[in-house]
Amino acid sequence: IRKMRAALCELVIEGIDHNADFLCEVMSMEEFE
């Protein structure tokens, strides 16, 4: 989980919208953790 959060934070895609921040938020939910 920590590794995936770090990976999502490192991802950069400029020019289109994407859902990386949303996924990071989901992985921070207590039920997911």
PDB file of all heavy atoms in Angstrom:
ATOM      1  N   ILE A   1       0.837  -1.203   0.000  1.00  0.00           N
ATOM      2  CA  ILE A   1       0.000   0.000   0.000  1.00  0.00           C
ATOM      3  C   ILE A   1       0.872   1.254   0.000  1.00  0.00           C
ATOM      4  O   ILE A   1       0.633   2.200  -0.765  1.00  0.00           O
ATOM      5  CB  ILE A   1      -0.959  -0.005   1.210  1.00  0.00           C
ATOM      6  CG1 ILE A   1      -2.031  -1.095   1.032  1.00  0.00           C
ATOM      7  CG2 ILE A   1      -1.629   1.363   1.366  1.00  0.00           C
ATOM      8  CD1 ILE A   1      -2.936  -1.276   2.237  1.00  0.00           C
ATOM      9  N   ARG A   2       1.886   1.270   0.839  1.00  0.00           N
ATOM     10  CA  ARG A   2       2.781   2.441   0.879  1.00  0.00           C
ATOM     11  C   ARG A   2       3.507   2.616  -0.453  1.00  0.00           C
ATOM     12  O   ARG A   2       3.667   3.748  -0.942  1.00  0.00           O
ATOM     13  CB  ARG A   2       3.799   2.283   2.018  1.00  0.00           C
ATOM     14  CG  ARG A   2       3.199   2.426   3.412  1.00  0.00           C
ATOM     15  CD  ARG A   2       4.283   2.677   4.455  1.00  0.00           C
ATOM     16  NE  ARG A   2       5.244   1.578   4.539  1.00  0.00           N
ATOM     17  CZ  ARG A   2       5.098   0.520   5.341  1.00  0.00           C
ATOM     18  NH1 ARG A   2       4.016   0.412   6.111  1.00  0.00           N
ATOM     19  NH2 ARG A   2       6.012  -0.426   5.386  1.00  0.00           N
ATOM     20  N   LYS A   3       3.942   1.502  -1.015  1.00  0.00           N
ATOM     21  CA  LYS A   3       4.657   1.571  -2.297  1.00  0.00           C
ATOM     22  C   LYS A   3       3.744   2.107  -3.400  1.00  0.00           C
ATOM     23  O   LYS A   3       4.157   2.926  -4.228  1.00  0.00           O
ATOM     24  CB  LYS A   3       5.203   0.184  -2.658  1.00  0.00           C
ATOM     25  CG  LYS A   3       6.114   0.178  -3.891  1.00  0.00           C
ATOM     26  CD  LYS A   3       6.600  -1.234  -4.201  1.00  0.00           C
ATOM     27  CE  LYS A   3       7.655  -1.702  -3.225  1.00  0.00           C
ATOM     28  NZ  LYS A   3       8.952  -1.018  -3.476  1.00  0.00           N
ATOM     29  N   MET A   4       2.469   1.670  -3.400  1.00  0.00           N
ATOM     30  CA  MET A   4       1.545   2.141  -4.430  1.00  0.00           C
ATOM     31  C   MET A   4       1.231   3.623  -4.250  1.00  0.00           C
ATOM     32  O   MET A   4       1.171   4.374  -5.232  1.00  0.00           O
ATOM     33  CB  MET A   4       0.252   1.328  -4.404  1.00  0.00           C
ATOM     34  CG  MET A   4      -0.782   1.772  -5.452  1.00  0.00           C
ATOM     35  SD  MET A   4      -0.168   1.715  -7.172  1.00  0.00           S
ATOM     36  CE  MET A   4      -0.434  -0.031  -7.526  1.00  0.00           C
ATOM     37  N   ARG A   5       1.041   4.054  -3.034  1.00  0.00           N
ATOM     38  CA  ARG A   5       0.808   5.482  -2.806  1.00  0.00           C
ATOM     39  C   ARG A   5       1.976   6.320  -3.331  1.00  0.00           C
ATOM     40  O   ARG A   5       1.788   7.354  -3.979  1.00  0.00           O
ATOM     41  CB  ARG A   5       0.617   5.755  -1.316  1.00  0.00           C
ATOM     42  CG  ARG A   5      -0.728   5.324  -0.755  1.00  0.00           C
ATOM     43  CD  ARG A   5      -0.780   5.645   0.716  1.00  0.00           C
ATOM     44  NE  ARG A   5      -1.982   5.156   1.358  1.00  0.00           N
ATOM     45  CZ  ARG A   5      -2.052   4.777   2.630  1.00  0.00           C
ATOM     46  NH1 ARG A   5      -0.962   4.805   3.389  1.00  0.00           N
ATOM     47  NH2 ARG A   5      -3.184   4.353   3.158  1.00  0.00           N
ATOM     48  N   ALA A   6       3.192   5.858  -3.052  1.00  0.00           N
ATOM     49  CA  ALA A   6       4.387   6.570  -3.527  1.00  0.00           C
ATOM     50  C   ALA A   6       4.421   6.587  -5.052  1.00  0.00           C
ATOM     51  O   ALA A   6       4.764   7.608  -5.673  1.00  0.00           O
ATOM     52  CB  ALA A   6       5.651   5.909  -2.972  1.00  0.00           C
ATOM     53  N   ALA A   7       4.053   5.461  -5.659  1.00  0.00           N
ATOM     54  CA  ALA A   7       4.059   5.365  -7.122  1.00  0.00           C
ATOM     55  C   ALA A   7       3.027   6.307  -7.735  1.00  0.00           C
ATOM     56  O   ALA A   7       3.304   7.007  -8.726  1.00  0.00           O
ATOM     57  CB  ALA A   7       3.784   3.931  -7.552  1.00  0.00           C
ATOM     58  N   LEU A   8       1.839   6.363  -7.152  1.00  0.00           N
ATOM     59  CA  LEU A   8       0.800   7.249  -7.661  1.00  0.00           C
ATOM     60  C   LEU A   8       1.208   8.712  -7.531  1.00  0.00           C
ATOM     61  O   LEU A   8       0.918   9.533  -8.413  1.00  0.00           O
ATOM     62  CB  LEU A   8      -0.513   6.999  -6.921  1.00  0.00           C
ATOM     63  CG  LEU A   8      -1.210   5.662  -7.198  1.00  0.00           C
ATOM     64  CD1 LEU A   8      -2.374   5.446  -6.240  1.00  0.00           C
ATOM     65  CD2 LEU A   8      -1.695   5.577  -8.644  1.00  0.00           C
ATOM     66  N   CYS A   9       1.875   9.035  -6.444  1.00  0.00           N
ATOM     67  CA  CYS A   9       2.346  10.414  -6.241  1.00  0.00           C
ATOM     68  C   CYS A   9       3.455  10.787  -7.224  1.00  0.00           C
ATOM     69  O   CYS A   9       3.609  11.966  -7.586  1.00  0.00           O
ATOM     70  CB  CYS A   9       2.838  10.597  -4.809  1.00  0.00           C
ATOM     71  SG  CYS A   9       1.513  10.565  -3.575  1.00  0.00           S
ATOM     72  N   GLU A  10       4.225   9.809  -7.659  1.00  0.00           N
ATOM     73  CA  GLU A  10       5.328  10.069  -8.595  1.00  0.00           C
ATOM     74  C   GLU A  10       4.846  10.197 -10.032  1.00  0.00           C
ATOM     75  O   GLU A  10       5.509  10.825 -10.867  1.00  0.00           O
ATOM     76  CB  GLU A  10       6.360   8.940  -8.495  1.00  0.00           C
ATOM     77  CG  GLU A  10       7.620   9.195  -9.302  1.00  0.00           C
ATOM     78  CD  GLU A  10       8.634   8.070  -9.186  1.00  0.00           C
ATOM     79  OE1 GLU A  10       8.559   7.271  -8.229  1.00  0.00           O
ATOM     80  OE2 GLU A  10       9.514   7.978 -10.068  1.00  0.00           O
ATOM     81  N   LEU A  11       3.699   9.596 -10.332  1.00  0.00           N
ATOM     82  CA  LEU A  11       3.186   9.612 -11.701  1.00  0.00           C
ATOM     83  C   LEU A  11       2.891  11.032 -12.171  1.00  0.00           C
ATOM     84  O   LEU A  11       2.247  11.806 -11.462  1.00  0.00           O
ATOM     85  CB  LEU A  11       1.908   8.762 -11.772  1.00  0.00           C
ATOM     86  CG  LEU A  11       1.171   8.750 -13.113  1.00  0.00           C
ATOM     87  CD1 LEU A  11       1.998   8.007 -14.167  1.00  0.00           C
ATOM     88  CD2 LEU A  11      -0.203   8.114 -12.960  1.00  0.00           C
ATOM     89  N   VAL A  12       3.358  11.360 -13.364  1.00  0.00           N
ATOM     90  CA  VAL A  12       3.062  12.653 -13.980  1.00  0.00           C
ATOM     91  C   VAL A  12       2.524  12.413 -15.383  1.00  0.00           C
ATOM     92  O   VAL A  12       3.202  11.814 -16.223  1.00  0.00           O
ATOM     93  CB  VAL A  12       4.311  13.557 -14.059  1.00  0.00           C
ATOM     94  CG1 VAL A  12       3.977  14.873 -14.770  1.00  0.00           C
ATOM     95  CG2 VAL A  12       4.882  13.828 -12.675  1.00  0.00           C
ATOM     96  N   ILE A  13       1.292  12.837 -15.620  1.00  0.00           N
ATOM     97  CA  ILE A  13       0.713  12.794 -16.964  1.00  0.00           C
ATOM     98  C   ILE A  13       0.059  14.144 -17.193  1.00  0.00           C
ATOM     99  O   ILE A  13      -0.999  14.431 -16.630  1.00  0.00           O
ATOM    100  CB  ILE A  13      -0.338  11.677 -17.127  1.00  0.00           C
ATOM    101  CG1 ILE A  13       0.212  10.310 -16.720  1.00  0.00           C
ATOM    102  CG2 ILE A  13      -0.824  11.624 -18.582  1.00  0.00           C
ATOM    103  CD1 ILE A  13      -0.817   9.185 -16.766  1.00  0.00           C
ATOM    104  N   GLU A  14       0.678  14.990 -17.998  1.00  0.00           N
ATOM    105  CA  GLU A  14       0.124  16.313 -18.281  1.00  0.00           C
ATOM    106  C   GLU A  14      -0.405  16.352 -19.711  1.00  0.00           C
ATOM    107  O   GLU A  14       0.213  15.813 -20.632  1.00  0.00           O
ATOM    108  CB  GLU A  14       1.192  17.396 -18.089  1.00  0.00           C
ATOM    109  CG  GLU A  14       1.609  17.568 -16.628  1.00  0.00           C
ATOM    110  CD  GLU A  14       2.523  18.762 -16.412  1.00  0.00           C
ATOM    111  OE1 GLU A  14       2.794  19.483 -17.395  1.00  0.00           O
ATOM    112  OE2 GLU A  14       2.973  18.959 -15.269  1.00  0.00           O
ATOM    113  N   GLY A  15      -1.545  16.967 -19.863  1.00  0.00           N
ATOM    114  CA  GLY A  15      -2.189  17.057 -21.180  1.00  0.00           C
ATOM    115  C   GLY A  15      -3.563  16.420 -21.177  1.00  0.00           C
ATOM    116  O   GLY A  15      -4.411  16.759 -22.016  1.00  0.00           O
ATOM    117  N   ILE A  16      -3.794  15.493 -20.253  1.00  0.00           N
ATOM    118  CA  ILE A  16      -5.111  14.885 -20.087  1.00  0.00           C
ATOM    119  C   ILE A  16      -5.426  14.808 -18.590  1.00  0.00           C
ATOM    120  O   ILE A  16      -4.530  14.850 -17.754  1.00  0.00           O
ATOM    121  CB  ILE A  16      -5.187  13.458 -20.683  1.00  0.00           C
ATOM    122  CG1 ILE A  16      -4.170  12.531 -19.994  1.00  0.00           C
ATOM    123  CG2 ILE A  16      -4.999  13.475 -22.194  1.00  0.00           C
ATOM    124  CD1 ILE A  16      -4.332  11.058 -20.327  1.00  0.00           C
ATOM    125  N   ASP A  17      -6.698  14.694 -18.270  1.00  0.00           N
ATOM    126  CA  ASP A  17      -7.097  14.439 -16.890  1.00  0.00           C
ATOM    127  C   ASP A  17      -6.938  12.948 -16.607  1.00  0.00           C
ATOM    128  O   ASP A  17      -7.083  12.115 -17.505  1.00  0.00           O
ATOM    129  CB  ASP A  17      -8.565  14.824 -16.683  1.00  0.00           C
ATOM    130  CG  ASP A  17      -8.819  16.306 -16.868  1.00  0.00           C
ATOM    131  OD1 ASP A  17      -7.938  17.097 -16.474  1.00  0.00           O
ATOM    132  OD2 ASP A  17      -9.884  16.672 -17.408  1.00  0.00           O
ATOM    133  N   HIS A  18      -6.653  12.608 -15.350  1.00  0.00           N
ATOM    134  CA  HIS A  18      -6.577  11.195 -14.972  1.00  0.00           C
ATOM    135  C   HIS A  18      -6.936  11.030 -13.504  1.00  0.00           C
ATOM    136  O   HIS A  18      -7.106  12.017 -12.775  1.00  0.00           O
ATOM    137  CB  HIS A  18      -5.188  10.612 -15.273  1.00  0.00           C
ATOM    138  CG  HIS A  18      -4.071  11.277 -14.543  1.00  0.00           C
ATOM    139  ND1 HIS A  18      -3.696  10.931 -13.264  1.00  0.00           N
ATOM    140  CD2 HIS A  18      -3.229  12.287 -14.915  1.00  0.00           C
ATOM    141  CE1 HIS A  18      -2.687  11.684 -12.886  1.00  0.00           C
ATOM    142  NE2 HIS A  18      -2.379  12.531 -13.859  1.00  0.00           N
ATOM    143  N   ASN A  19      -7.057   9.795 -13.057  1.00  0.00           N
ATOM    144  CA  ASN A  19      -7.638   9.504 -11.747  1.00  0.00           C
ATOM    145  C   ASN A  19      -6.636   9.097 -10.676  1.00  0.00           C
ATOM    146  O   ASN A  19      -7.025   8.517  -9.658  1.00  0.00           O
ATOM    147  CB  ASN A  19      -8.684   8.386 -11.896  1.00  0.00           C
ATOM    148  CG  ASN A  19      -8.073   7.072 -12.373  1.00  0.00           C
ATOM    149  OD1 ASN A  19      -6.977   7.054 -12.936  1.00  0.00           O
ATOM    150  ND2 ASN A  19      -8.758   5.973 -12.146  1.00  0.00           N
ATOM    151  N   ALA A  20      -5.341   9.373 -10.860  1.00  0.00           N
ATOM    152  CA  ALA A  20      -4.330   8.918  -9.902  1.00  0.00           C
ATOM    153  C   ALA A  20      -4.574   9.480  -8.495  1.00  0.00           C
ATOM    154  O   ALA A  20      -4.464   8.751  -7.504  1.00  0.00           O
ATOM    155  CB  ALA A  20      -2.930   9.276 -10.384  1.00  0.00           C
ATOM    156  N   ASP A  21      -4.893  10.751  -8.391  1.00  0.00           N
ATOM    157  CA  ASP A  21      -5.141  11.349  -7.069  1.00  0.00           C
ATOM    158  C   ASP A  21      -6.348  10.706  -6.394  1.00  0.00           C
ATOM    159  O   ASP A  21      -6.350  10.456  -5.187  1.00  0.00           O
ATOM    160  CB  ASP A  21      -5.359  12.860  -7.195  1.00  0.00           C
ATOM    161  CG  ASP A  21      -4.079  13.617  -7.528  1.00  0.00           C
ATOM    162  OD1 ASP A  21      -2.988  13.026  -7.381  1.00  0.00           O
ATOM    163  OD2 ASP A  21      -4.168  14.785  -7.946  1.00  0.00           O
ATOM    164  N   PHE A  22      -7.372  10.439  -7.190  1.00  0.00           N
ATOM    165  CA  PHE A  22      -8.573   9.789  -6.659  1.00  0.00           C
ATOM    166  C   PHE A  22      -8.237   8.400  -6.110  1.00  0.00           C
ATOM    167  O   PHE A  22      -8.676   8.029  -5.008  1.00  0.00           O
ATOM    168  CB  PHE A  22      -9.621   9.678  -7.770  1.00  0.00           C
ATOM    169  CG  PHE A  22     -10.849   8.905  -7.385  1.00  0.00           C
ATOM    170  CD1 PHE A  22     -11.858   9.502  -6.647  1.00  0.00           C
ATOM    171  CD2 PHE A  22     -11.001   7.582  -7.772  1.00  0.00           C
ATOM    172  CE1 PHE A  22     -13.000   8.789  -6.293  1.00  0.00           C
ATOM    173  CE2 PHE A  22     -12.132   6.859  -7.415  1.00  0.00           C
ATOM    174  CZ  PHE A  22     -13.142   7.462  -6.677  1.00  0.00           C
ATOM    175  N   LEU A  23      -7.428   7.646  -6.829  1.00  0.00           N
ATOM    176  CA  LEU A  23      -7.037   6.309  -6.377  1.00  0.00           C
ATOM    177  C   LEU A  23      -6.226   6.381  -5.093  1.00  0.00           C
ATOM    178  O   LEU A  23      -6.365   5.525  -4.206  1.00  0.00           O
ATOM    179  CB  LEU A  23      -6.243   5.601  -7.479  1.00  0.00           C
ATOM    180  CG  LEU A  23      -7.015   5.296  -8.765  1.00  0.00           C
ATOM    181  CD1 LEU A  23      -6.067   4.778  -9.840  1.00  0.00           C
ATOM    182  CD2 LEU A  23      -8.130   4.298  -8.511  1.00  0.00           C
ATOM    183  N   CYS A  24      -5.384   7.389  -4.993  1.00  0.00           N
ATOM    184  CA  CYS A  24      -4.588   7.572  -3.779  1.00  0.00           C
ATOM    185  C   CYS A  24      -5.497   7.842  -2.582  1.00  0.00           C
ATOM    186  O   CYS A  24      -5.269   7.337  -1.477  1.00  0.00           O
ATOM    187  CB  CYS A  24      -3.615   8.732  -3.983  1.00  0.00           C
ATOM    188  SG  CYS A  24      -2.100   8.590  -3.017  1.00  0.00           S
ATOM    189  N   GLU A  25      -6.547   8.621  -2.803  1.00  0.00           N
ATOM    190  CA  GLU A  25      -7.513   8.900  -1.746  1.00  0.00           C
ATOM    191  C   GLU A  25      -8.246   7.629  -1.320  1.00  0.00           C
ATOM    192  O   GLU A  25      -8.479   7.390  -0.134  1.00  0.00           O
ATOM    193  CB  GLU A  25      -8.518   9.950  -2.228  1.00  0.00           C
ATOM    194  CG  GLU A  25      -7.927  11.334  -2.422  1.00  0.00           C
ATOM    195  CD  GLU A  25      -8.883  12.271  -3.135  1.00  0.00           C
ATOM    196  OE1 GLU A  25     -10.068  11.878  -3.315  1.00  0.00           O
ATOM    197  OE2 GLU A  25      -8.466  13.373  -3.509  1.00  0.00           O
ATOM    198  N   VAL A  26      -8.606   6.809  -2.298  1.00  0.00           N
ATOM    199  CA  VAL A  26      -9.300   5.546  -1.996  1.00  0.00           C
ATOM    200  C   VAL A  26      -8.422   4.653  -1.129  1.00  0.00           C
ATOM    201  O   VAL A  26      -8.882   4.045  -0.156  1.00  0.00           O
ATOM    202  CB  VAL A  26      -9.697   4.809  -3.298  1.00  0.00           C
ATOM    203  CG1 VAL A  26     -10.233   3.412  -2.982  1.00  0.00           C
ATOM    204  CG2 VAL A  26     -10.727   5.614  -4.079  1.00  0.00           C
ATOM    205  N   MET A  27      -7.136   4.605  -1.464  1.00  0.00           N
ATOM    206  CA  MET A  27      -6.224   3.743  -0.717  1.00  0.00           C
ATOM    207  C   MET A  27      -5.938   4.264   0.687  1.00  0.00           C
ATOM    208  O   MET A  27      -5.365   3.551   1.510  1.00  0.00           O
ATOM    209  CB  MET A  27      -4.917   3.566  -1.495  1.00  0.00           C
ATOM    210  CG  MET A  27      -5.115   2.845  -2.813  1.00  0.00           C
ATOM    211  SD  MET A  27      -3.565   2.441  -3.607  1.00  0.00           S
ATOM    212  CE  MET A  27      -2.932   1.204  -2.515  1.00  0.00           C
ATOM    213  N   SER A  28      -6.351   5.495   0.957  1.00  0.00           N
ATOM    214  CA  SER A  28      -6.188   6.059   2.298  1.00  0.00           C
ATOM    215  C   SER A  28      -7.434   5.871   3.159  1.00  0.00           C
ATOM    216  O   SER A  28      -7.436   6.227   4.333  1.00  0.00           O
ATOM    217  CB  SER A  28      -5.858   7.554   2.203  1.00  0.00           C
ATOM    218  OG  SER A  28      -4.618   7.749   1.547  1.00  0.00           O
ATOM    219  N   MET A  29      -8.483   5.317   2.584  1.00  0.00           N
ATOM    220  CA  MET A  29      -9.699   5.055   3.346  1.00  0.00           C
ATOM    221  C   MET A  29      -9.447   3.936   4.354  1.00  0.00           C
ATOM    222  O   MET A  29      -8.741   2.962   4.058  1.00  0.00           O
ATOM    223  CB  MET A  29     -10.846   4.676   2.416  1.00  0.00           C
ATOM    224  CG  MET A  29     -11.278   5.795   1.485  1.00  0.00           C
ATOM    225  SD  MET A  29     -12.563   5.291   0.301  1.00  0.00           S
ATOM    226  CE  MET A  29     -13.966   5.075   1.412  1.00  0.00           C
ATOM    227  N   GLU A  30      -9.999   4.078   5.524  1.00  0.00           N
ATOM    228  CA  GLU A  30      -9.755   3.117   6.603  1.00  0.00           C
ATOM    229  C   GLU A  30     -10.130   1.698   6.201  1.00  0.00           C
ATOM    230  O   GLU A  30      -9.392   0.744   6.479  1.00  0.00           O
ATOM    231  CB  GLU A  30     -10.535   3.524   7.858  1.00  0.00           C
ATOM    232  CG  GLU A  30     -10.280   2.609   9.050  1.00  0.00           C
ATOM    233  CD  GLU A  30     -11.053   3.023  10.289  1.00  0.00           C
ATOM    234  OE1 GLU A  30     -11.698   4.097  10.264  1.00  0.00           O
ATOM    235  OE2 GLU A  30     -11.029   2.269  11.286  1.00  0.00           O
ATOM    236  N   GLU A  31     -11.267   1.540   5.524  1.00  0.00           N
ATOM    237  CA  GLU A  31     -11.723   0.204   5.120  1.00  0.00           C
ATOM    238  C   GLU A  31     -10.757  -0.447   4.140  1.00  0.00           C
ATOM    239  O   GLU A  31     -10.575  -1.664   4.164  1.00  0.00           O
ATOM    240  CB  GLU A  31     -13.122   0.282   4.523  1.00  0.00           C
ATOM    241  CG  GLU A  31     -14.219   0.521   5.533  1.00  0.00           C
ATOM    242  CD  GLU A  31     -15.568   0.675   4.863  1.00  0.00           C
ATOM    243  OE1 GLU A  31     -16.188  -0.347   4.544  1.00  0.00           O
ATOM    244  OE2 GLU A  31     -15.983   1.828   4.647  1.00  0.00           O
ATOM    245  N   PHE A  32     -10.162   0.384   3.261  1.00  0.00           N
ATOM    246  CA  PHE A  32      -9.186  -0.199   2.345  1.00  0.00           C
ATOM    247  C   PHE A  32      -7.922  -0.594   3.103  1.00  0.00           C
ATOM    248  O   PHE A  32      -7.376  -1.680   2.895  1.00  0.00           O
ATOM    249  CB  PHE A  32      -8.826   0.760   1.213  1.00  0.00           C
ATOM    250  CG  PHE A  32      -7.891   0.144   0.204  1.00  0.00           C
ATOM    251  CD1 PHE A  32      -8.387  -0.587  -0.861  1.00  0.00           C
ATOM    252  CD2 PHE A  32      -6.508   0.245   0.347  1.00  0.00           C
ATOM    253  CE1 PHE A  32      -7.531  -1.208  -1.769  1.00  0.00           C
ATOM    254  CE2 PHE A  32      -5.641  -0.361  -0.547  1.00  0.00           C
ATOM    255  CZ  PHE A  32      -6.162  -1.085  -1.613  1.00  0.00           C
ATOM    256  N   GLU A  33      -7.474   0.273   3.961  1.00  0.00           N
ATOM    257  CA  GLU A  33      -6.231   0.008   4.690  1.00  0.00           C
ATOM    258  C   GLU A  33      -6.312  -1.267   5.522  1.00  0.00           C
ATOM    259  O   GLU A  33      -5.358  -2.034   5.585  1.00  0.00           O
ATOM    260  CB  GLU A  33      -5.883   1.200   5.575  1.00  0.00           C
ATOM    261  CG  GLU A  33      -5.412   2.424   4.802  1.00  0.00           C
ATOM    262  CD  GLU A  33      -4.980   3.546   5.721  1.00  0.00           C
ATOM    263  OE1 GLU A  33      -5.527   3.639   6.850  1.00  0.00           O
ATOM    264  OE2 GLU A  33      -4.102   4.332   5.332  1.00  0.00           O
TER     265      GLU A  33
END
